[in-house]
Structure formats: C-alpha cells, structure tokens
Amino acid sequence: MQKYEIIEYPSFSDERGETIPFELDEDFPFEVKRVYLVTAKEKKSRGGHAHKFEQELFVCVSGSVRALVNDGTEDKEILLDKKKEGLLIRPGCWHEFHDFSEGAVLLAFSSTHYTGRGGYIENKSQFLDQR
C-alpha cells in the first residue's frame, strides 16, 4: 500500500460559485477523529515528521502549499493548490509543508485525537534509518 497519494473529490460549480463536499462516510479513507487548520508565517515550514499510527488528509483550501513527502525511499515534492484534491498521508510517511503562499490554509482531517508527540518520528535521519 502506498504511504501517500492524491485523492480527488467532486466539485460542483455554477454561476454562484463552487461546492466541494468531503463526505465522512465509508468512502472516506479513514474514520475522522479530528479536523484542524494549518497556516504558516512567512518562510516557515510546518509538519516535519512521520506518524507511527495516525493517518491524515490535507486539502489546501486557500492559496498554495508545497508538500515534501518521503515513503522511506525518496523525497518527492507535491504542489497543493486545488481545493478538490487531498494529500493522504498514511503511517510511516515523512511529510512537511513549505512555501505557503500569502493566505494559504491547509484543512487537515486526522484519524486520531491529539495525544501529544509520542506517536511522531520527528528526526528525519532517524526516520530514514528505520527504513
């Protein structure tokens, strides 16, 4: 199973605007326990860790953000700039976000409640050594 992937959601547009539904049902990749927003100050990065158990889906709902992911084999850059696309991160995938455009906002869905940093691997060298 891939440690990360882009999932596309339906988008409905008309002369009034756009609607993009995220149905939290059996078709969502995991049961959602927490939803939060991520922003960044100028030239700052967010994330910079891998999860031991948690799954997350990130959607850039405003602006653009660059994601760096690593499944243990190589770094890959992914531009998040479409509201109808989500970046699914499974356990054991390094992820960090940088190059936030002005006003960029990431919407994050999580499979776990926040319980502290114990479920994180926060040192990239240590992450890569475990592979």
N, C-alpha and C. Protein backbone atom coordinates (compact mmCIF):
# COMPACT_ATOMS: atom_id res chain seq x y z
N MET A 1 0.85 -1.18 0.00
CA MET A 1 0.00 0.00 0.00
C MET A 1 0.89 1.24 0.00
N GLN A 2 0.54 2.20 -0.83
CA GLN A 2 1.28 3.45 -0.89
C GLN A 2 1.18 4.20 0.43
N LYS A 3 2.25 4.85 0.81
CA LYS A 3 2.26 5.63 2.06
C LYS A 3 1.64 7.02 1.87
N TYR A 4 1.49 7.45 0.60
CA TYR A 4 0.82 8.72 0.32
C TYR A 4 0.18 8.65 -1.06
N GLU A 5 -0.85 9.46 -1.25
CA GLU A 5 -1.49 9.54 -2.56
C GLU A 5 -2.36 10.79 -2.61
N ILE A 6 -2.64 11.22 -3.83
CA ILE A 6 -3.56 12.33 -4.05
C ILE A 6 -4.94 11.75 -4.31
N ILE A 7 -5.92 12.26 -3.60
CA ILE A 7 -7.32 11.84 -3.78
C ILE A 7 -8.08 13.04 -4.32
N GLU A 8 -8.83 12.83 -5.39
CA GLU A 8 -9.63 13.91 -5.97
C GLU A 8 -11.08 13.78 -5.53
N TYR A 9 -11.65 14.90 -5.14
CA TYR A 9 -13.04 14.95 -4.68
C TYR A 9 -13.89 15.65 -5.74
N PRO A 10 -15.19 15.37 -5.77
CA PRO A 10 -16.05 16.03 -6.76
C PRO A 10 -16.16 17.52 -6.48
N SER A 11 -16.37 18.26 -7.55
CA SER A 11 -16.54 19.70 -7.45
C SER A 11 -17.77 20.08 -8.27
N PHE A 12 -18.62 20.91 -7.70
CA PHE A 12 -19.84 21.34 -8.37
C PHE A 12 -19.79 22.86 -8.50
N SER A 13 -19.81 23.36 -9.73
CA SER A 13 -19.70 24.79 -9.98
C SER A 13 -20.88 25.29 -10.79
N ASP A 14 -21.26 26.52 -10.51
CA ASP A 14 -22.24 27.22 -11.35
C ASP A 14 -21.93 28.71 -11.23
N GLU A 15 -22.82 29.55 -11.74
CA GLU A 15 -22.57 30.99 -11.75
C GLU A 15 -22.43 31.58 -10.35
N ARG A 16 -22.87 30.85 -9.30
CA ARG A 16 -22.79 31.36 -7.93
C ARG A 16 -21.47 31.04 -7.24
N GLY A 17 -20.79 30.01 -7.72
CA GLY A 17 -19.54 29.60 -7.09
C GLY A 17 -19.34 28.11 -7.16
N GLU A 18 -18.65 27.58 -6.17
CA GLU A 18 -18.22 26.18 -6.19
C GLU A 18 -18.52 25.51 -4.85
N THR A 19 -18.88 24.24 -4.90
CA THR A 19 -19.07 23.41 -3.72
C THR A 19 -18.24 22.15 -3.89
N ILE A 20 -17.46 21.82 -2.86
CA ILE A 20 -16.65 20.60 -2.86
C ILE A 20 -16.98 19.85 -1.58
N PRO A 21 -17.77 18.78 -1.67
CA PRO A 21 -18.14 18.04 -0.46
C PRO A 21 -17.08 17.00 -0.07
N PHE A 22 -16.84 16.89 1.22
CA PHE A 22 -15.99 15.84 1.78
C PHE A 22 -16.89 15.00 2.67
N GLU A 23 -17.43 13.93 2.11
CA GLU A 23 -18.35 13.07 2.85
C GLU A 23 -17.57 12.19 3.81
N LEU A 24 -17.89 12.27 5.08
CA LEU A 24 -17.20 11.49 6.11
C LEU A 24 -17.94 10.18 6.33
N ASP A 25 -17.96 9.38 5.28
CA ASP A 25 -18.68 8.11 5.31
C ASP A 25 -17.72 6.97 5.01
N GLU A 26 -18.25 5.82 4.62
CA GLU A 26 -17.41 4.65 4.37
C GLU A 26 -16.46 4.83 3.20
N ASP A 27 -16.67 5.83 2.34
CA ASP A 27 -15.76 6.08 1.23
C ASP A 27 -14.57 6.97 1.62
N PHE A 28 -14.65 7.65 2.76
CA PHE A 28 -13.50 8.44 3.23
C PHE A 28 -12.41 7.44 3.61
N PRO A 29 -11.13 7.77 3.41
CA PRO A 29 -10.08 6.77 3.63
C PRO A 29 -9.90 6.28 5.06
N PHE A 30 -10.47 6.98 6.04
CA PHE A 30 -10.38 6.55 7.44
C PHE A 30 -11.49 7.24 8.23
N GLU A 31 -11.71 6.75 9.45
CA GLU A 31 -12.68 7.39 10.33
C GLU A 31 -12.05 8.66 10.91
N VAL A 32 -12.70 9.77 10.74
CA VAL A 32 -12.16 11.07 11.18
C VAL A 32 -12.44 11.28 12.66
N LYS A 33 -11.37 11.58 13.41
CA LYS A 33 -11.48 11.87 14.84
C LYS A 33 -11.21 13.34 15.16
N ARG A 34 -10.53 14.04 14.22
CA ARG A 34 -10.13 15.42 14.48
C ARG A 34 -10.00 16.15 13.15
N VAL A 35 -10.36 17.43 13.16
CA VAL A 35 -10.21 18.31 12.00
C VAL A 35 -9.54 19.58 12.49
N TYR A 36 -8.54 20.06 11.75
CA TYR A 36 -7.86 21.29 12.16
C TYR A 36 -7.34 22.03 10.93
N LEU A 37 -6.95 23.28 11.14
CA LEU A 37 -6.41 24.13 10.08
C LEU A 37 -4.93 24.39 10.34
N VAL A 38 -4.16 24.52 9.25
CA VAL A 38 -2.73 24.80 9.35
C VAL A 38 -2.42 26.03 8.50
N THR A 39 -1.75 26.99 9.09
CA THR A 39 -1.22 28.15 8.37
C THR A 39 0.25 28.27 8.73
N ALA A 40 0.96 29.14 8.04
CA ALA A 40 2.38 29.33 8.35
C ALA A 40 2.74 30.79 8.19
N LYS A 41 3.63 31.23 9.03
CA LYS A 41 4.19 32.57 8.88
C LYS A 41 5.18 32.55 7.72
N GLU A 42 5.50 33.72 7.20
CA GLU A 42 6.37 33.83 6.03
C GLU A 42 7.68 33.04 6.20
N LYS A 43 7.97 32.24 5.20
CA LYS A 43 9.21 31.44 5.11
C LYS A 43 9.35 30.40 6.21
N LYS A 44 8.25 30.00 6.82
CA LYS A 44 8.27 28.95 7.84
C LYS A 44 7.69 27.66 7.27
N SER A 45 8.16 26.54 7.78
CA SER A 45 7.66 25.22 7.39
C SER A 45 6.80 24.66 8.51
N ARG A 46 5.93 23.75 8.16
CA ARG A 46 5.08 23.06 9.13
C ARG A 46 5.24 21.55 8.91
N GLY A 47 4.82 20.78 9.89
CA GLY A 47 4.97 19.33 9.79
C GLY A 47 6.38 18.95 10.17
N GLY A 48 7.04 18.21 9.29
CA GLY A 48 8.41 17.79 9.57
C GLY A 48 8.44 16.59 10.49
N HIS A 49 7.62 15.59 10.18
CA HIS A 49 7.58 14.37 10.98
C HIS A 49 6.86 13.26 10.21
N ALA A 50 6.92 12.08 10.78
CA ALA A 50 6.14 10.94 10.30
C ALA A 50 5.32 10.44 11.48
N HIS A 51 4.20 9.85 11.20
CA HIS A 51 3.35 9.30 12.26
C HIS A 51 3.54 7.79 12.35
N LYS A 52 3.47 7.29 13.56
CA LYS A 52 3.55 5.84 13.77
C LYS A 52 2.22 5.17 13.48
N PHE A 53 1.10 5.84 13.79
CA PHE A 53 -0.22 5.22 13.66
C PHE A 53 -1.23 6.08 12.91
N GLU A 54 -1.10 7.37 13.01
CA GLU A 54 -2.10 8.32 12.51
C GLU A 54 -2.09 8.42 10.99
N GLN A 55 -3.28 8.57 10.42
CA GLN A 55 -3.45 8.92 9.01
C GLN A 55 -4.00 10.34 8.95
N GLU A 56 -3.62 11.07 7.90
CA GLU A 56 -4.12 12.43 7.73
C GLU A 56 -4.41 12.69 6.26
N LEU A 57 -5.37 13.56 6.02
CA LEU A 57 -5.68 14.03 4.68
C LEU A 57 -5.60 15.55 4.73
N PHE A 58 -4.75 16.13 3.86
CA PHE A 58 -4.54 17.57 3.81
C PHE A 58 -5.11 18.13 2.52
N VAL A 59 -5.91 19.19 2.64
CA VAL A 59 -6.50 19.87 1.50
C VAL A 59 -6.14 21.34 1.61
N CYS A 60 -5.55 21.90 0.57
CA CYS A 60 -5.23 23.33 0.56
C CYS A 60 -6.49 24.06 0.11
N VAL A 61 -7.19 24.66 1.06
CA VAL A 61 -8.48 25.30 0.76
C VAL A 61 -8.32 26.77 0.36
N SER A 62 -7.12 27.31 0.54
CA SER A 62 -6.85 28.68 0.13
C SER A 62 -5.38 28.80 -0.22
N GLY A 63 -5.07 29.41 -1.36
CA GLY A 63 -3.68 29.60 -1.74
C GLY A 63 -3.02 28.33 -2.22
N SER A 64 -1.71 28.24 -1.98
CA SER A 64 -0.95 27.05 -2.38
C SER A 64 0.12 26.76 -1.34
N VAL A 65 0.49 25.49 -1.29
CA VAL A 65 1.50 25.00 -0.35
C VAL A 65 2.26 23.88 -1.06
N ARG A 66 3.56 23.81 -0.81
CA ARG A 66 4.36 22.69 -1.31
C ARG A 66 4.52 21.66 -0.20
N ALA A 67 4.25 20.42 -0.55
CA ALA A 67 4.44 19.31 0.40
C ALA A 67 5.68 18.53 -0.02
N LEU A 68 6.48 18.16 0.95
CA LEU A 68 7.59 17.24 0.73
C LEU A 68 7.20 15.96 1.45
N VAL A 69 7.15 14.85 0.72
CA VAL A 69 6.83 13.57 1.31
C VAL A 69 7.96 12.59 1.03
N ASN A 70 8.11 11.62 1.93
CA ASN A 70 9.11 10.57 1.75
C ASN A 70 8.54 9.30 2.36
N ASP A 71 8.42 8.27 1.53
CA ASP A 71 7.90 6.99 2.00
C ASP A 71 9.00 6.05 2.49
N GLY A 72 10.20 6.59 2.66
CA GLY A 72 11.33 5.79 3.08
C GLY A 72 12.31 5.52 1.96
N THR A 73 11.92 5.90 0.73
CA THR A 73 12.79 5.65 -0.41
C THR A 73 13.35 6.93 -1.03
N GLU A 74 12.51 7.98 -1.15
CA GLU A 74 12.99 9.22 -1.76
C GLU A 74 12.06 10.37 -1.40
N ASP A 75 12.62 11.59 -1.45
CA ASP A 75 11.82 12.79 -1.27
C ASP A 75 11.05 13.08 -2.56
N LYS A 76 9.81 13.53 -2.40
CA LYS A 76 9.02 13.95 -3.55
C LYS A 76 8.29 15.22 -3.17
N GLU A 77 8.31 16.21 -4.06
CA GLU A 77 7.61 17.48 -3.87
C GLU A 77 6.25 17.40 -4.56
N ILE A 78 5.22 17.85 -3.87
CA ILE A 78 3.87 17.88 -4.42
C ILE A 78 3.29 19.26 -4.18
N LEU A 79 2.80 19.90 -5.23
CA LEU A 79 2.17 21.20 -5.09
C LEU A 79 0.70 20.99 -4.76
N LEU A 80 0.27 21.57 -3.65
CA LEU A 80 -1.14 21.52 -3.26
C LEU A 80 -1.73 22.89 -3.57
N ASP A 81 -2.56 22.95 -4.60
CA ASP A 81 -3.15 24.22 -5.00
C ASP A 81 -4.56 24.07 -5.57
N LYS A 82 -5.15 22.88 -5.37
CA LYS A 82 -6.51 22.62 -5.85
C LYS A 82 -7.37 22.19 -4.67
N LYS A 83 -8.45 22.91 -4.44
CA LYS A 83 -9.32 22.62 -3.29
C LYS A 83 -9.97 21.25 -3.39
N LYS A 84 -10.05 20.70 -4.57
CA LYS A 84 -10.72 19.40 -4.74
C LYS A 84 -9.75 18.22 -4.67
N GLU A 85 -8.48 18.49 -4.35
CA GLU A 85 -7.51 17.42 -4.20
C GLU A 85 -6.98 17.38 -2.77
N GLY A 86 -6.90 16.17 -2.23
CA GLY A 86 -6.35 15.99 -0.90
C GLY A 86 -5.13 15.11 -0.95
N LEU A 87 -4.16 15.40 -0.09
CA LEU A 87 -2.96 14.58 0.04
C LEU A 87 -3.16 13.66 1.23
N LEU A 88 -3.31 12.37 0.95
CA LEU A 88 -3.49 11.37 2.00
C LEU A 88 -2.11 10.90 2.46
N ILE A 89 -1.87 11.01 3.77
CA ILE A 89 -0.61 10.58 4.38
C ILE A 89 -0.93 9.42 5.32
N ARG A 90 -0.33 8.27 5.04
CA ARG A 90 -0.51 7.10 5.90
C ARG A 90 0.64 7.00 6.90
N PRO A 91 0.51 6.14 7.92
CA PRO A 91 1.60 5.98 8.88
C PRO A 91 2.90 5.60 8.18
N GLY A 92 4.00 6.11 8.72
CA GLY A 92 5.31 5.78 8.17
C GLY A 92 5.70 6.61 6.96
N CYS A 93 5.06 7.75 6.77
CA CYS A 93 5.39 8.65 5.66
C CYS A 93 5.83 9.99 6.22
N TRP A 94 7.07 10.37 5.92
CA TRP A 94 7.56 11.69 6.32
C TRP A 94 6.81 12.74 5.52
N HIS A 95 6.40 13.82 6.18
CA HIS A 95 5.72 14.91 5.48
C HIS A 95 6.03 16.25 6.13
N GLU A 96 6.24 17.23 5.27
CA GLU A 96 6.45 18.60 5.73
C GLU A 96 5.89 19.54 4.66
N PHE A 97 5.52 20.72 5.10
CA PHE A 97 4.88 21.69 4.21
C PHE A 97 5.67 22.99 4.25
N HIS A 98 5.88 23.57 3.08
CA HIS A 98 6.65 24.81 2.99
C HIS A 98 6.15 25.64 1.81
N ASP A 99 6.73 26.80 1.62
CA ASP A 99 6.34 27.71 0.53
C ASP A 99 4.84 28.01 0.55
N PHE A 100 4.33 28.33 1.72
CA PHE A 100 2.93 28.74 1.85
C PHE A 100 2.76 30.07 1.12
N SER A 101 1.82 30.15 0.21
CA SER A 101 1.51 31.44 -0.41
C SER A 101 0.81 32.32 0.62
N GLU A 102 0.73 33.61 0.34
CA GLU A 102 0.05 34.51 1.25
C GLU A 102 -1.41 34.07 1.41
N GLY A 103 -1.85 33.90 2.64
CA GLY A 103 -3.22 33.49 2.91
C GLY A 103 -3.50 32.01 2.74
N ALA A 104 -2.47 31.21 2.55
CA ALA A 104 -2.66 29.76 2.36
C ALA A 104 -3.19 29.11 3.64
N VAL A 105 -4.13 28.19 3.46
CA VAL A 105 -4.70 27.45 4.59
C VAL A 105 -4.83 25.99 4.19
N LEU A 106 -4.28 25.11 5.03
CA LEU A 106 -4.46 23.67 4.87
C LEU A 106 -5.56 23.21 5.82
N LEU A 107 -6.51 22.46 5.29
CA LEU A 107 -7.53 21.79 6.10
C LEU A 107 -7.04 20.37 6.30
N ALA A 108 -6.98 19.93 7.56
CA ALA A 108 -6.46 18.61 7.87
C ALA A 108 -7.52 17.76 8.57
N PHE A 109 -7.68 16.53 8.06
CA PHE A 109 -8.53 15.52 8.67
C PHE A 109 -7.59 14.49 9.27
N SER A 110 -7.84 14.06 10.51
CA SER A 110 -6.97 13.12 11.19
C SER A 110 -7.74 11.91 11.68
N SER A 111 -7.07 10.78 11.69
CA SER A 111 -7.68 9.53 12.17
C SER A 111 -7.58 9.37 13.68
N THR A 112 -6.88 10.29 14.36
CA THR A 112 -6.71 10.17 15.81
C THR A 112 -6.99 11.50 16.50
N HIS A 113 -7.28 11.42 17.77
CA HIS A 113 -7.30 12.61 18.61
C HIS A 113 -5.85 12.96 18.92
N TYR A 114 -5.58 14.22 19.21
CA TYR A 114 -4.21 14.61 19.55
C TYR A 114 -3.89 14.13 20.96
N THR A 115 -2.82 13.38 21.09
CA THR A 115 -2.43 12.84 22.40
C THR A 115 -0.98 13.18 22.74
N GLY A 116 -0.41 14.15 22.05
CA GLY A 116 0.99 14.51 22.29
C GLY A 116 1.88 14.00 21.18
N ARG A 117 3.17 14.18 21.36
CA ARG A 117 4.13 13.89 20.30
C ARG A 117 4.66 12.46 20.33
N GLY A 118 4.17 11.62 21.23
CA GLY A 118 4.69 10.26 21.35
C GLY A 118 4.49 9.40 20.11
N GLY A 119 3.49 9.71 19.30
CA GLY A 119 3.24 8.93 18.09
C GLY A 119 3.94 9.47 16.86
N TYR A 120 4.88 10.41 17.07
CA TYR A 120 5.58 11.04 15.95
C TYR A 120 7.04 10.59 15.89
N ILE A 121 7.59 10.54 14.70
CA ILE A 121 9.03 10.44 14.48
C ILE A 121 9.43 11.82 13.94
N GLU A 122 10.19 12.59 14.73
CA GLU A 122 10.45 13.98 14.38
C GLU A 122 11.86 14.25 13.87
N ASN A 123 12.68 13.23 13.78
CA ASN A 123 14.04 13.37 13.26
C ASN A 123 14.10 12.62 11.93
N LYS A 124 14.34 13.34 10.85
CA LYS A 124 14.31 12.70 9.52
C LYS A 124 15.40 11.64 9.36
N SER A 125 16.58 11.89 9.90
CA SER A 125 17.64 10.88 9.81
C SER A 125 17.23 9.59 10.52
N GLN A 126 16.63 9.74 11.69
CA GLN A 126 16.14 8.58 12.42
C GLN A 126 15.05 7.87 11.61
N PHE A 127 14.15 8.64 11.02
CA PHE A 127 13.09 8.07 10.16
C PHE A 127 13.71 7.25 9.04
N LEU A 128 14.69 7.81 8.33
CA LEU A 128 15.30 7.11 7.20
C LEU A 128 16.10 5.89 7.65
N ASP A 129 16.74 5.96 8.83
CA ASP A 129 17.49 4.82 9.35
C ASP A 129 16.60 3.63 9.67
N GLN A 130 15.33 3.89 9.99
CA GLN A 130 14.39 2.81 10.33
C GLN A 130 13.87 2.09 9.10
N ARG A 131 14.12 2.60 7.94
CA ARG A 131 13.60 2.00 6.71
C ARG A 131 14.42 0.86 6.27
